[in-house]
Full PDB file with SEQRES, HELIX, SHEET, SSBOND, CRYST1, ORIGX, SCALE, CONECT and MASTER records, all heavy atoms in Angstrom:
SEQRES   1 A   31  GLN LEU VAL LEU SER GLN VAL LEU GLU VAL SER LEU SER          
SEQRES   2 A   31  GLU LYS LEU LEU PRO VAL MET GLN ALA VAL LEU GLY ARG          
SEQRES   3 A   31  GLN GLU VAL LEU PRO                                          
HELIX    1 AA1 LEU A    2  GLU A    9  1                                   8    
HELIX    2 AA2 LEU A   17  GLY A   25  1                                   9    
CRYST1    1.000    1.000    1.000  90.00  90.00  90.00 P 1           1          
ORIGX1      1.000000  0.000000  0.000000        0.00000                         
ORIGX2      0.000000  1.000000  0.000000        0.00000                         
ORIGX3      0.000000  0.000000  1.000000        0.00000                         
SCALE1      1.000000  0.000000  0.000000        0.00000                         
SCALE2      0.000000  1.000000  0.000000        0.00000                         
SCALE3      0.000000  0.000000  1.000000        0.00000                         
ATOM      1  N   GLN A   1     101.536 115.454  88.323  1.00  0.00           N  
ATOM      2  CA  GLN A   1     102.618 114.560  88.768  1.00  0.00           C  
ATOM      3  C   GLN A   1     103.491 115.239  89.813  1.00  0.00           C  
ATOM      4  O   GLN A   1     103.926 114.602  90.781  1.00  0.00           O  
ATOM      5  CB  GLN A   1     103.464 114.133  87.573  1.00  0.00           C  
ATOM      6  CG  GLN A   1     102.734 113.225  86.615  1.00  0.00           C  
ATOM      7  CD  GLN A   1     103.571 112.860  85.400  1.00  0.00           C  
ATOM      8  OE1 GLN A   1     104.796 112.994  85.409  1.00  0.00           O  
ATOM      9  NE2 GLN A   1     102.916 112.402  84.347  1.00  0.00           N  
ATOM     10  N   LEU A   2     103.722 116.534  89.644  1.00  0.00           N  
ATOM     11  CA  LEU A   2     104.504 117.286  90.624  1.00  0.00           C  
ATOM     12  C   LEU A   2     103.809 117.284  91.983  1.00  0.00           C  
ATOM     13  O   LEU A   2     104.446 117.088  93.019  1.00  0.00           O  
ATOM     14  CB  LEU A   2     104.724 118.722  90.132  1.00  0.00           C  
ATOM     15  CG  LEU A   2     105.420 119.686  91.098  1.00  0.00           C  
ATOM     16  CD1 LEU A   2     106.812 119.195  91.472  1.00  0.00           C  
ATOM     17  CD2 LEU A   2     105.491 121.086  90.493  1.00  0.00           C  
ATOM     18  N   VAL A   3     102.494 117.485  91.987  1.00  0.00           N  
ATOM     19  CA  VAL A   3     101.735 117.462  93.245  1.00  0.00           C  
ATOM     20  C   VAL A   3     101.887 116.094  93.907  1.00  0.00           C  
ATOM     21  O   VAL A   3     102.152 115.999  95.105  1.00  0.00           O  
ATOM     22  CB  VAL A   3     100.244 117.791  93.007  1.00  0.00           C  
ATOM     23  CG1 VAL A   3      99.419 117.512  94.249  1.00  0.00           C  
ATOM     24  CG2 VAL A   3     100.080 119.250  92.585  1.00  0.00           C  
ATOM     25  N   LEU A   4     101.735 115.029  93.128  1.00  0.00           N  
ATOM     26  CA  LEU A   4     101.865 113.682  93.692  1.00  0.00           C  
ATOM     27  C   LEU A   4     103.262 113.462  94.266  1.00  0.00           C  
ATOM     28  O   LEU A   4     103.408 112.940  95.376  1.00  0.00           O  
ATOM     29  CB  LEU A   4     101.556 112.623  92.635  1.00  0.00           C  
ATOM     30  CG  LEU A   4     101.655 111.163  93.109  1.00  0.00           C  
ATOM     31  CD1 LEU A   4     100.717 110.897  94.280  1.00  0.00           C  
ATOM     32  CD2 LEU A   4     101.377 110.206  91.967  1.00  0.00           C  
ATOM     33  N   SER A   5     104.286 113.895  93.549  1.00  0.00           N  
ATOM     34  CA  SER A   5     105.650 113.703  94.060  1.00  0.00           C  
ATOM     35  C   SER A   5     105.862 114.506  95.339  1.00  0.00           C  
ATOM     36  O   SER A   5     106.547 114.049  96.264  1.00  0.00           O  
ATOM     37  CB  SER A   5     106.694 114.059  93.007  1.00  0.00           C  
ATOM     38  OG  SER A   5     106.654 115.429  92.706  1.00  0.00           O  
ATOM     39  N   GLN A   6     105.248 115.698  95.433  1.00  0.00           N  
ATOM     40  CA  GLN A   6     105.373 116.490  96.659  1.00  0.00           C  
ATOM     41  C   GLN A   6     104.654 115.803  97.826  1.00  0.00           C  
ATOM     42  O   GLN A   6     105.145 115.810  98.954  1.00  0.00           O  
ATOM     43  CB  GLN A   6     104.802 117.897  96.441  1.00  0.00           C  
ATOM     44  CG  GLN A   6     105.681 118.783  95.577  1.00  0.00           C  
ATOM     45  CD  GLN A   6     105.055 120.144  95.342  1.00  0.00           C  
ATOM     46  OE1 GLN A   6     104.019 120.263  94.710  1.00  0.00           O  
ATOM     47  NE2 GLN A   6     105.684 121.185  95.859  1.00  0.00           N  
ATOM     48  N   VAL A   7     103.492 115.235  97.553  1.00  0.00           N  
ATOM     49  CA  VAL A   7     102.748 114.522  98.603  1.00  0.00           C  
ATOM     50  C   VAL A   7     103.560 113.335  99.106  1.00  0.00           C  
ATOM     51  O   VAL A   7     103.631 113.072 100.311  1.00  0.00           O  
ATOM     52  CB  VAL A   7     101.364 114.056  98.091  1.00  0.00           C  
ATOM     53  CG1 VAL A   7     100.709 113.097  99.072  1.00  0.00           C  
ATOM     54  CG2 VAL A   7     100.456 115.251  97.834  1.00  0.00           C  
ATOM     55  N   LEU A   8     104.206 112.629  98.185  1.00  0.00           N  
ATOM     56  CA  LEU A   8     104.957 111.429  98.567  1.00  0.00           C  
ATOM     57  C   LEU A   8     106.256 111.759  99.304  1.00  0.00           C  
ATOM     58  O   LEU A   8     106.874 110.872  99.882  1.00  0.00           O  
ATOM     59  CB  LEU A   8     105.249 110.576  97.326  1.00  0.00           C  
ATOM     60  CG  LEU A   8     104.004 109.976  96.655  1.00  0.00           C  
ATOM     61  CD1 LEU A   8     104.388 109.260  95.369  1.00  0.00           C  
ATOM     62  CD2 LEU A   8     103.255 109.052  97.595  1.00  0.00           C  
ATOM     63  N   GLU A   9     106.663 113.025  99.292  1.00  0.00           N  
ATOM     64  CA  GLU A   9     107.874 113.431 100.013  1.00  0.00           C  
ATOM     65  C   GLU A   9     107.623 113.649 101.496  1.00  0.00           C  
ATOM     66  O   GLU A   9     108.555 113.723 102.282  1.00  0.00           O  
ATOM     67  CB  GLU A   9     108.445 114.724  99.407  1.00  0.00           C  
ATOM     68  CG  GLU A   9     109.115 114.530  98.068  1.00  0.00           C  
ATOM     69  CD  GLU A   9     109.500 115.841  97.405  1.00  0.00           C  
ATOM     70  OE1 GLU A   9     109.380 116.904  98.054  1.00  0.00           O  
ATOM     71  OE2 GLU A   9     109.917 115.812  96.242  1.00  0.00           O  
ATOM     72  N   VAL A  10     106.364 113.815 101.883  1.00  0.00           N  
ATOM     73  CA  VAL A  10     106.045 114.061 103.294  1.00  0.00           C  
ATOM     74  C   VAL A  10     105.373 112.825 103.876  1.00  0.00           C  
ATOM     75  O   VAL A  10     104.955 111.930 103.148  1.00  0.00           O  
ATOM     76  CB  VAL A  10     105.127 115.299 103.466  1.00  0.00           C  
ATOM     77  CG1 VAL A  10     105.813 116.546 102.957  1.00  0.00           C  
ATOM     78  CG2 VAL A  10     103.798 115.104 102.778  1.00  0.00           C  
ATOM     79  N   SER A  11     105.262 112.803 105.180  1.00  0.00           N  
ATOM     80  CA  SER A  11     104.607 111.679 105.841  1.00  0.00           C  
ATOM     81  C   SER A  11     103.107 111.750 105.565  1.00  0.00           C  
ATOM     82  O   SER A  11     102.478 112.789 105.753  1.00  0.00           O  
ATOM     83  CB  SER A  11     104.886 111.758 107.346  1.00  0.00           C  
ATOM     84  OG  SER A  11     104.297 110.674 107.988  1.00  0.00           O  
ATOM     85  N   LEU A  12     102.545 110.654 105.110  1.00  0.00           N  
ATOM     86  CA  LEU A  12     101.123 110.647 104.768  1.00  0.00           C  
ATOM     87  C   LEU A  12     100.260 110.877 106.007  1.00  0.00           C  
ATOM     88  O   LEU A  12     100.584 110.423 107.095  1.00  0.00           O  
ATOM     89  CB  LEU A  12     100.726 109.312 104.145  1.00  0.00           C  
ATOM     90  CG  LEU A  12     101.052 109.096 102.678  1.00  0.00           C  
ATOM     91  CD1 LEU A  12     100.411 107.804 102.183  1.00  0.00           C  
ATOM     92  CD2 LEU A  12     100.600 110.249 101.824  1.00  0.00           C  
ATOM     93  N   SER A  13      99.172 111.570 105.789  1.00  0.00           N  
ATOM     94  CA  SER A  13      98.186 111.780 106.843  1.00  0.00           C  
ATOM     95  C   SER A  13      96.811 111.672 106.215  1.00  0.00           C  
ATOM     96  O   SER A  13      96.669 111.699 104.981  1.00  0.00           O  
ATOM     97  CB  SER A  13      98.365 113.163 107.479  1.00  0.00           C  
ATOM     98  OG  SER A  13      98.072 114.166 106.528  1.00  0.00           O  
ATOM     99  N   GLU A  14      95.811 111.570 107.039  1.00  0.00           N  
ATOM    100  CA  GLU A  14      94.429 111.483 106.551  1.00  0.00           C  
ATOM    101  C   GLU A  14      94.094 112.692 105.673  1.00  0.00           C  
ATOM    102  O   GLU A  14      93.350 112.591 104.706  1.00  0.00           O  
ATOM    103  CB  GLU A  14      93.485 111.394 107.754  1.00  0.00           C  
ATOM    104  CG  GLU A  14      92.104 110.879 107.442  1.00  0.00           C  
ATOM    105  CD  GLU A  14      92.036 109.407 107.036  1.00  0.00           C  
ATOM    106  OE1 GLU A  14      92.755 108.567 107.619  1.00  0.00           O  
ATOM    107  OE2 GLU A  14      91.248 109.110 106.121  1.00  0.00           O  
ATOM    108  N   LYS A  15      94.677 113.838 106.028  1.00  0.00           N  
ATOM    109  CA  LYS A  15      94.447 115.080 105.279  1.00  0.00           C  
ATOM    110  C   LYS A  15      94.919 114.977 103.830  1.00  0.00           C  
ATOM    111  O   LYS A  15      94.326 115.570 102.934  1.00  0.00           O  
ATOM    112  CB  LYS A  15      95.176 116.218 106.006  1.00  0.00           C  
ATOM    113  CG  LYS A  15      95.405 117.483 105.226  1.00  0.00           C  
ATOM    114  CD  LYS A  15      96.135 118.503 106.078  1.00  0.00           C  
ATOM    115  CE  LYS A  15      97.335 119.071 105.376  1.00  0.00           C  
ATOM    116  NZ  LYS A  15      97.977 120.158 106.084  1.00  0.00           N  
ATOM    117  N   LEU A  16      95.983 114.198 103.576  1.00  0.00           N  
ATOM    118  CA  LEU A  16      96.572 114.134 102.241  1.00  0.00           C  
ATOM    119  C   LEU A  16      95.947 113.069 101.341  1.00  0.00           C  
ATOM    120  O   LEU A  16      96.122 113.106 100.127  1.00  0.00           O  
ATOM    121  CB  LEU A  16      98.078 113.874 102.342  1.00  0.00           C  
ATOM    122  CG  LEU A  16      98.878 114.941 103.074  1.00  0.00           C  
ATOM    123  CD1 LEU A  16     100.350 114.570 103.095  1.00  0.00           C  
ATOM    124  CD2 LEU A  16      98.691 116.298 102.427  1.00  0.00           C  
ATOM    125  N   LEU A  17      95.207 112.140 101.924  1.00  0.00           N  
ATOM    126  CA  LEU A  17      94.631 111.064 101.119  1.00  0.00           C  
ATOM    127  C   LEU A  17      93.673 111.577 100.036  1.00  0.00           C  
ATOM    128  O   LEU A  17      93.723 111.101  98.905  1.00  0.00           O  
ATOM    129  CB  LEU A  17      93.948 110.030 102.023  1.00  0.00           C  
ATOM    130  CG  LEU A  17      94.891 109.286 102.989  1.00  0.00           C  
ATOM    131  CD1 LEU A  17      94.108 108.303 103.846  1.00  0.00           C  
ATOM    132  CD2 LEU A  17      96.021 108.581 102.251  1.00  0.00           C  
ATOM    133  N   PRO A  18      92.807 112.575 100.336  1.00  0.00           N  
ATOM    134  CA  PRO A  18      91.940 113.091  99.266  1.00  0.00           C  
ATOM    135  C   PRO A  18      92.727 113.734  98.121  1.00  0.00           C  
ATOM    136  O   PRO A  18      92.298 113.671  96.966  1.00  0.00           O  
ATOM    137  CB  PRO A  18      91.065 114.132  99.981  1.00  0.00           C  
ATOM    138  CG  PRO A  18      91.093 113.762 101.422  1.00  0.00           C  
ATOM    139  CD  PRO A  18      92.443 113.147 101.641  1.00  0.00           C  
ATOM    140  N   VAL A  19      93.873 114.332  98.435  1.00  0.00           N  
ATOM    141  CA  VAL A  19      94.697 114.939  97.383  1.00  0.00           C  
ATOM    142  C   VAL A  19      95.226 113.837  96.460  1.00  0.00           C  
ATOM    143  O   VAL A  19      95.183 113.957  95.227  1.00  0.00           O  
ATOM    144  CB  VAL A  19      95.862 115.754  97.982  1.00  0.00           C  
ATOM    145  CG1 VAL A  19      96.737 116.338  96.877  1.00  0.00           C  
ATOM    146  CG2 VAL A  19      95.335 116.861  98.884  1.00  0.00           C  
ATOM    147  N   MET A  20      95.688 112.747  97.049  1.00  0.00           N  
ATOM    148  CA  MET A  20      96.172 111.627  96.242  1.00  0.00           C  
ATOM    149  C   MET A  20      95.034 111.042  95.417  1.00  0.00           C  
ATOM    150  O   MET A  20      95.214 110.678  94.258  1.00  0.00           O  
ATOM    151  CB  MET A  20      96.809 110.561  97.142  1.00  0.00           C  
ATOM    152  CG  MET A  20      98.089 111.035  97.806  1.00  0.00           C  
ATOM    153  SD  MET A  20      98.779 109.812  98.925  1.00  0.00           S  
ATOM    154  CE  MET A  20      99.473 108.645  97.780  1.00  0.00           C  
ATOM    155  N   GLN A  21      93.849 110.977  96.019  1.00  0.00           N  
ATOM    156  CA  GLN A  21      92.672 110.467  95.303  1.00  0.00           C  
ATOM    157  C   GLN A  21      92.354 111.361  94.100  1.00  0.00           C  
ATOM    158  O   GLN A  21      92.031 110.880  93.020  1.00  0.00           O  
ATOM    159  CB  GLN A  21      91.481 110.412  96.265  1.00  0.00           C  
ATOM    160  CG  GLN A  21      90.269 109.693  95.717  1.00  0.00           C  
ATOM    161  CD  GLN A  21      90.422 108.178  95.781  1.00  0.00           C  
ATOM    162  OE1 GLN A  21      90.880 107.634  96.781  1.00  0.00           O  
ATOM    163  NE2 GLN A  21      90.050 107.497  94.718  1.00  0.00           N  
ATOM    164  N   ALA A  22      92.469 112.684  94.296  1.00  0.00           N  
ATOM    165  CA  ALA A  22      92.214 113.631  93.201  1.00  0.00           C  
ATOM    166  C   ALA A  22      93.242 113.442  92.086  1.00  0.00           C  
ATOM    167  O   ALA A  22      92.893 113.491  90.893  1.00  0.00           O  
ATOM    168  CB  ALA A  22      92.248 115.066  93.726  1.00  0.00           C  
ATOM    169  N   VAL A  23      94.500 113.214  92.460  1.00  0.00           N  
ATOM    170  CA  VAL A  23      95.548 112.978  91.461  1.00  0.00           C  
ATOM    171  C   VAL A  23      95.224 111.724  90.655  1.00  0.00           C  
ATOM    172  O   VAL A  23      95.273 111.724  89.419  1.00  0.00           O  
ATOM    173  CB  VAL A  23      96.938 112.848  92.135  1.00  0.00           C  
ATOM    174  CG1 VAL A  23      97.964 112.310  91.159  1.00  0.00           C  
ATOM    175  CG2 VAL A  23      97.386 114.192  92.692  1.00  0.00           C  
ATOM    176  N   LEU A  24      94.857 110.648  91.348  1.00  0.00           N  
ATOM    177  CA  LEU A  24      94.544 109.398  90.651  1.00  0.00           C  
ATOM    178  C   LEU A  24      93.282 109.548  89.799  1.00  0.00           C  
ATOM    179  O   LEU A  24      93.156 108.917  88.749  1.00  0.00           O  
ATOM    180  CB  LEU A  24      94.375 108.257  91.658  1.00  0.00           C  
ATOM    181  CG  LEU A  24      95.643 107.864  92.418  1.00  0.00           C  
ATOM    182  CD1 LEU A  24      95.351 106.769  93.419  1.00  0.00           C  
ATOM    183  CD2 LEU A  24      96.738 107.426  91.462  1.00  0.00           C  
ATOM    184  N   GLY A  25      92.362 110.393  90.258  1.00  0.00           N  
ATOM    185  CA  GLY A  25      91.131 110.631  89.516  1.00  0.00           C  
ATOM    186  C   GLY A  25      91.375 111.234  88.144  1.00  0.00           C  
ATOM    187  O   GLY A  25      90.536 111.123  87.242  1.00  0.00           O  
ATOM    188  N   ARG A  26      92.503 111.891  87.983  1.00  0.00           N  
ATOM    189  CA  ARG A  26      92.857 112.462  86.670  1.00  0.00           C  
ATOM    190  C   ARG A  26      93.248 111.373  85.666  1.00  0.00           C  
ATOM    191  O   ARG A  26      93.307 111.621  84.469  1.00  0.00           O  
ATOM    192  CB  ARG A  26      94.019 113.449  86.828  1.00  0.00           C  
ATOM    193  CG  ARG A  26      93.676 114.752  87.506  1.00  0.00           C  
ATOM    194  CD  ARG A  26      92.921 115.691  86.578  1.00  0.00           C  
ATOM    195  NE  ARG A  26      93.681 116.006  85.383  1.00  0.00           N  
ATOM    196  CZ  ARG A  26      94.444 117.095  85.244  1.00  0.00           C  
ATOM    197  NH1 ARG A  26      94.532 117.970  86.223  1.00  0.00           N  
ATOM    198  NH2 ARG A  26      95.108 117.308  84.124  1.00  0.00           N  
ATOM    199  N   GLN A  27      93.553 110.185  86.170  1.00  0.00           N  
ATOM    200  CA  GLN A  27      93.910 109.026  85.344  1.00  0.00           C  
ATOM    201  C   GLN A  27      95.068 109.331  84.383  1.00  0.00           C  
ATOM    202  O   GLN A  27      95.051 108.922  83.222  1.00  0.00           O  
ATOM    203  CB  GLN A  27      92.681 108.519  84.576  1.00  0.00           C  
ATOM    204  CG  GLN A  27      91.584 108.078  85.507  1.00  0.00           C  
ATOM    205  CD  GLN A  27      90.425 107.406  84.802  1.00  0.00           C  
ATOM    206  OE1 GLN A  27      90.348 107.379  83.588  1.00  0.00           O  
ATOM    207  NE2 GLN A  27      89.518 106.854  85.580  1.00  0.00           N  
ATOM    208  N   GLU A  28      96.036 110.044  84.915  1.00  0.00           N  
ATOM    209  CA  GLU A  28      97.229 110.339  84.120  1.00  0.00           C  
ATOM    210  C   GLU A  28      98.160 109.131  84.139  1.00  0.00           C  
ATOM    211  O   GLU A  28      98.194 108.369  85.100  1.00  0.00           O  
ATOM    212  CB  GLU A  28      97.975 111.548  84.703  1.00  0.00           C  
ATOM    213  CG  GLU A  28      97.159 112.814  84.812  1.00  0.00           C  
ATOM    214  CD  GLU A  28      96.809 113.440  83.475  1.00  0.00           C  
ATOM    215  OE1 GLU A  28      97.426 113.057  82.463  1.00  0.00           O  
ATOM    216  OE2 GLU A  28      95.907 114.283  83.439  1.00  0.00           O  
ATOM    217  N   VAL A  29      98.918 108.982  83.073  1.00  0.00           N  
ATOM    218  CA  VAL A  29      99.945 107.941  83.048  1.00  0.00           C  
ATOM    219  C   VAL A  29     101.106 108.446  83.894  1.00  0.00           C  
ATOM    220  O   VAL A  29     101.644 109.526  83.650  1.00  0.00           O  
ATOM    221  CB  VAL A  29     100.411 107.662  81.603  1.00  0.00           C  
ATOM    222  CG1 VAL A  29     101.556 106.656  81.598  1.00  0.00           C  
ATOM    223  CG2 VAL A  29      99.247 107.161  80.771  1.00  0.00           C  
ATOM    224  N   LEU A  30     101.463 107.681  84.908  1.00  0.00           N  
ATOM    225  CA  LEU A  30     102.550 108.083  85.798  1.00  0.00           C  
ATOM    226  C   LEU A  30     103.860 107.483  85.311  1.00  0.00           C  
ATOM    227  O   LEU A  30     103.896 106.335  84.878  1.00  0.00           O  
ATOM    228  CB  LEU A  30     102.270 107.607  87.231  1.00  0.00           C  
ATOM    229  CG  LEU A  30     101.010 108.161  87.902  1.00  0.00           C  
ATOM    230  CD1 LEU A  30     100.847 107.530  89.279  1.00  0.00           C  
ATOM    231  CD2 LEU A  30     101.050 109.668  88.014  1.00  0.00           C  
ATOM    232  N   PRO A  31     104.951 108.255  85.412  1.00  0.00           N  
ATOM    233  CA  PRO A  31     106.259 107.671  85.087  1.00  0.00           C  
ATOM    234  C   PRO A  31     106.536 106.493  86.023  1.00  0.00           C  
ATOM    235  O   PRO A  31     106.106 106.512  87.184  1.00  0.00           O  
ATOM    236  CB  PRO A  31     107.243 108.808  85.351  1.00  0.00           C  
ATOM    237  CG  PRO A  31     106.443 110.034  85.597  1.00  0.00           C  
ATOM    238  CD  PRO A  31     105.042 109.637  85.870  1.00  0.00           C  
TER     239      PRO A  31                                                      
MASTER        0    0    0    2    0    0    0    6  238    1    0    3          
END                                                                             
């Protein structure tokens, strides 16, 4: 969740989309 919040603090780029995909792949319940 910390990684996702850090990603969302910066301007999205093509480079960051796989990181977000990896976060979602964990299927964690997000606050």
